[in-house]
Amino acid sequence: MEEENWSPESAFKKAFSFVTYASEQMSKSGDPLGSFIGVALVWVFYFPAAMIAFPLFSFLFFVLKKAFRQKN
């Protein structure tokens, strides 16, 4: 099994794709004003949170996985 290396670039790409997907789902609403507000809220709140959370949690998962493998 190939070992996956953590990189900030891959974590940020995952975060960006998550926010883009959420934005697309909000824009599918029938109401133009509601979809604009929904998309704006996604980019104002989800984007910074995702840019912090995805890299942080993926790095922590990577470190814990390495530590667990070395322990066994």
N, C-alpha and C. Protein backbone atom coordinates (compact mmCIF):
# COMPACT_ATOMS: atom_id res chain seq x y z
N MET A 1 0.84 -1.18 0.00
CA MET A 1 0.00 0.00 0.00
C MET A 1 0.88 1.24 0.00
N GLU A 2 0.59 2.17 -0.87
CA GLU A 2 1.41 3.37 -0.99
C GLU A 2 1.09 4.33 0.15
N GLU A 3 2.14 4.87 0.79
CA GLU A 3 1.94 5.80 1.90
C GLU A 3 1.64 7.19 1.37
N GLU A 4 0.60 7.78 1.92
CA GLU A 4 0.19 9.12 1.49
C GLU A 4 0.93 10.16 2.32
N ASN A 5 1.56 11.11 1.66
CA ASN A 5 2.25 12.19 2.35
C ASN A 5 1.33 13.38 2.47
N TRP A 6 1.41 14.04 3.62
CA TRP A 6 0.59 15.23 3.85
C TRP A 6 1.26 16.41 3.19
N SER A 7 0.46 17.26 2.57
CA SER A 7 0.99 18.51 2.04
C SER A 7 -0.06 19.59 2.21
N PRO A 8 0.37 20.80 2.53
CA PRO A 8 -0.60 21.89 2.68
C PRO A 8 -1.39 22.13 1.40
N GLU A 9 -0.73 21.94 0.26
CA GLU A 9 -1.40 22.18 -1.01
C GLU A 9 -2.60 21.25 -1.20
N SER A 10 -2.44 19.97 -0.88
CA SER A 10 -3.56 19.04 -1.04
C SER A 10 -4.68 19.35 -0.05
N ALA A 11 -4.31 19.76 1.16
CA ALA A 11 -5.33 20.11 2.15
C ALA A 11 -6.12 21.34 1.71
N PHE A 12 -5.42 22.35 1.17
CA PHE A 12 -6.12 23.55 0.71
C PHE A 12 -6.98 23.25 -0.51
N LYS A 13 -6.53 22.35 -1.38
CA LYS A 13 -7.35 21.97 -2.54
C LYS A 13 -8.64 21.29 -2.08
N LYS A 14 -8.55 20.43 -1.07
CA LYS A 14 -9.75 19.77 -0.55
C LYS A 14 -10.69 20.79 0.08
N ALA A 15 -10.14 21.75 0.82
CA ALA A 15 -10.96 22.78 1.44
C ALA A 15 -11.65 23.63 0.38
N PHE A 16 -10.91 24.01 -0.66
CA PHE A 16 -11.47 24.84 -1.72
C PHE A 16 -12.58 24.09 -2.47
N SER A 17 -12.37 22.80 -2.72
CA SER A 17 -13.40 22.04 -3.43
C SER A 17 -14.65 21.87 -2.56
N PHE A 18 -14.46 21.75 -1.24
CA PHE A 18 -15.61 21.67 -0.33
C PHE A 18 -16.42 22.96 -0.37
N VAL A 19 -15.74 24.10 -0.30
CA VAL A 19 -16.44 25.39 -0.31
C VAL A 19 -17.09 25.63 -1.67
N THR A 20 -16.43 25.25 -2.73
CA THR A 20 -17.01 25.41 -4.07
C THR A 20 -18.27 24.56 -4.20
N TYR A 21 -18.23 23.34 -3.70
CA TYR A 21 -19.41 22.47 -3.75
C TYR A 21 -20.56 23.07 -2.94
N ALA A 22 -20.27 23.55 -1.74
CA ALA A 22 -21.31 24.17 -0.91
C ALA A 22 -21.90 25.39 -1.60
N SER A 23 -21.05 26.17 -2.24
CA SER A 23 -21.50 27.36 -2.96
C SER A 23 -22.40 26.97 -4.13
N GLU A 24 -22.04 25.93 -4.86
CA GLU A 24 -22.87 25.47 -5.99
C GLU A 24 -24.22 24.97 -5.51
N GLN A 25 -24.24 24.28 -4.38
CA GLN A 25 -25.51 23.79 -3.84
C GLN A 25 -26.41 24.94 -3.43
N MET A 26 -25.83 25.99 -2.85
CA MET A 26 -26.61 27.17 -2.45
C MET A 26 -27.16 27.89 -3.67
N SER A 27 -26.41 27.94 -4.75
CA SER A 27 -26.85 28.70 -5.92
C SER A 27 -27.93 27.98 -6.71
N LYS A 28 -28.20 26.71 -6.42
CA LYS A 28 -29.24 25.96 -7.13
C LYS A 28 -30.64 26.30 -6.63
N SER A 29 -30.72 27.11 -5.59
CA SER A 29 -32.02 27.53 -5.06
C SER A 29 -32.76 28.34 -6.12
N GLY A 30 -34.10 28.28 -6.12
CA GLY A 30 -34.87 29.00 -7.13
C GLY A 30 -34.91 30.50 -6.92
N ASP A 31 -34.72 30.94 -5.69
CA ASP A 31 -34.81 32.37 -5.36
C ASP A 31 -33.47 33.04 -5.61
N PRO A 32 -33.40 34.04 -6.52
CA PRO A 32 -32.10 34.66 -6.83
C PRO A 32 -31.48 35.38 -5.64
N LEU A 33 -32.29 36.12 -4.87
CA LEU A 33 -31.74 36.84 -3.71
C LEU A 33 -31.28 35.85 -2.65
N GLY A 34 -32.08 34.82 -2.41
CA GLY A 34 -31.71 33.81 -1.42
C GLY A 34 -30.45 33.07 -1.81
N SER A 35 -30.32 32.76 -3.10
CA SER A 35 -29.11 32.05 -3.52
C SER A 35 -27.89 32.96 -3.44
N PHE A 36 -28.06 34.26 -3.74
CA PHE A 36 -26.93 35.20 -3.63
C PHE A 36 -26.48 35.32 -2.18
N ILE A 37 -27.45 35.46 -1.28
CA ILE A 37 -27.12 35.56 0.15
C ILE A 37 -26.48 34.26 0.63
N GLY A 38 -27.03 33.12 0.19
CA GLY A 38 -26.45 31.84 0.60
C GLY A 38 -25.02 31.66 0.13
N VAL A 39 -24.77 32.01 -1.13
CA VAL A 39 -23.41 31.90 -1.67
C VAL A 39 -22.47 32.86 -0.95
N ALA A 40 -22.94 34.08 -0.67
CA ALA A 40 -22.10 35.05 0.05
C ALA A 40 -21.77 34.53 1.45
N LEU A 41 -22.76 33.96 2.12
CA LEU A 41 -22.50 33.42 3.46
C LEU A 41 -21.53 32.26 3.43
N VAL A 42 -21.65 31.41 2.41
CA VAL A 42 -20.71 30.29 2.28
C VAL A 42 -19.29 30.82 2.15
N TRP A 43 -19.07 31.81 1.28
CA TRP A 43 -17.72 32.32 1.06
C TRP A 43 -17.21 33.14 2.23
N VAL A 44 -18.10 33.81 2.97
CA VAL A 44 -17.66 34.63 4.11
C VAL A 44 -17.34 33.77 5.32
N PHE A 45 -18.17 32.76 5.59
CA PHE A 45 -17.98 31.97 6.81
C PHE A 45 -17.32 30.62 6.57
N TYR A 46 -17.78 29.86 5.58
CA TYR A 46 -17.22 28.53 5.36
C TYR A 46 -15.81 28.58 4.81
N PHE A 47 -15.53 29.53 3.93
CA PHE A 47 -14.21 29.56 3.30
C PHE A 47 -13.08 29.73 4.32
N PRO A 48 -13.14 30.76 5.20
CA PRO A 48 -12.05 30.87 6.19
C PRO A 48 -12.00 29.67 7.14
N ALA A 49 -13.17 29.18 7.55
CA ALA A 49 -13.19 28.03 8.46
C ALA A 49 -12.60 26.80 7.79
N ALA A 50 -12.95 26.59 6.53
CA ALA A 50 -12.42 25.42 5.81
C ALA A 50 -10.92 25.56 5.57
N MET A 51 -10.46 26.76 5.28
CA MET A 51 -9.03 26.97 5.04
C MET A 51 -8.20 26.76 6.30
N ILE A 52 -8.83 26.89 7.46
CA ILE A 52 -8.12 26.62 8.72
C ILE A 52 -8.31 25.16 9.12
N ALA A 53 -9.54 24.67 9.06
CA ALA A 53 -9.85 23.35 9.61
C ALA A 53 -9.32 22.20 8.76
N PHE A 54 -9.48 22.25 7.45
CA PHE A 54 -9.05 21.12 6.61
C PHE A 54 -7.54 20.86 6.74
N PRO A 55 -6.68 21.88 6.58
CA PRO A 55 -5.24 21.60 6.73
C PRO A 55 -4.88 21.16 8.14
N LEU A 56 -5.50 21.77 9.15
CA LEU A 56 -5.17 21.42 10.53
C LEU A 56 -5.54 19.98 10.83
N PHE A 57 -6.77 19.59 10.52
CA PHE A 57 -7.20 18.23 10.83
C PHE A 57 -6.51 17.19 9.96
N SER A 58 -6.24 17.53 8.71
CA SER A 58 -5.54 16.55 7.88
C SER A 58 -4.10 16.37 8.36
N PHE A 59 -3.46 17.45 8.83
CA PHE A 59 -2.11 17.33 9.37
C PHE A 59 -2.12 16.51 10.67
N LEU A 60 -3.09 16.78 11.55
CA LEU A 60 -3.18 16.01 12.79
C LEU A 60 -3.43 14.53 12.51
N PHE A 61 -4.30 14.24 11.55
CA PHE A 61 -4.55 12.85 11.17
C PHE A 61 -3.28 12.20 10.63
N PHE A 62 -2.53 12.94 9.82
CA PHE A 62 -1.28 12.43 9.25
C PHE A 62 -0.27 12.11 10.36
N VAL A 63 -0.14 13.02 11.33
CA VAL A 63 0.81 12.81 12.43
C VAL A 63 0.38 11.62 13.29
N LEU A 64 -0.90 11.54 13.60
CA LEU A 64 -1.38 10.42 14.41
C LEU A 64 -1.22 9.08 13.68
N LYS A 65 -1.45 9.08 12.39
CA LYS A 65 -1.28 7.86 11.60
C LYS A 65 0.19 7.42 11.61
N LYS A 66 1.10 8.39 11.47
CA LYS A 66 2.54 8.07 11.51
C LYS A 66 2.92 7.51 12.88
N ALA A 67 2.43 8.15 13.95
CA ALA A 67 2.77 7.71 15.30
C ALA A 67 2.22 6.31 15.57
N PHE A 68 1.01 6.05 15.12
CA PHE A 68 0.41 4.73 15.33
C PHE A 68 1.17 3.65 14.57
N ARG A 69 1.60 3.97 13.36
CA ARG A 69 2.36 2.99 12.56
C ARG A 69 3.72 2.71 13.18
N GLN A 70 4.36 3.73 13.75
CA GLN A 70 5.67 3.53 14.37
C GLN A 70 5.54 2.73 15.66
N LYS A 71 4.41 2.91 16.36
CA LYS A 71 4.19 2.20 17.61
C LYS A 71 4.01 0.70 17.36
N ASN A 72 3.35 0.35 16.29
CA ASN A 72 3.09 -1.07 15.99
C ASN A 72 4.21 -1.70 15.24
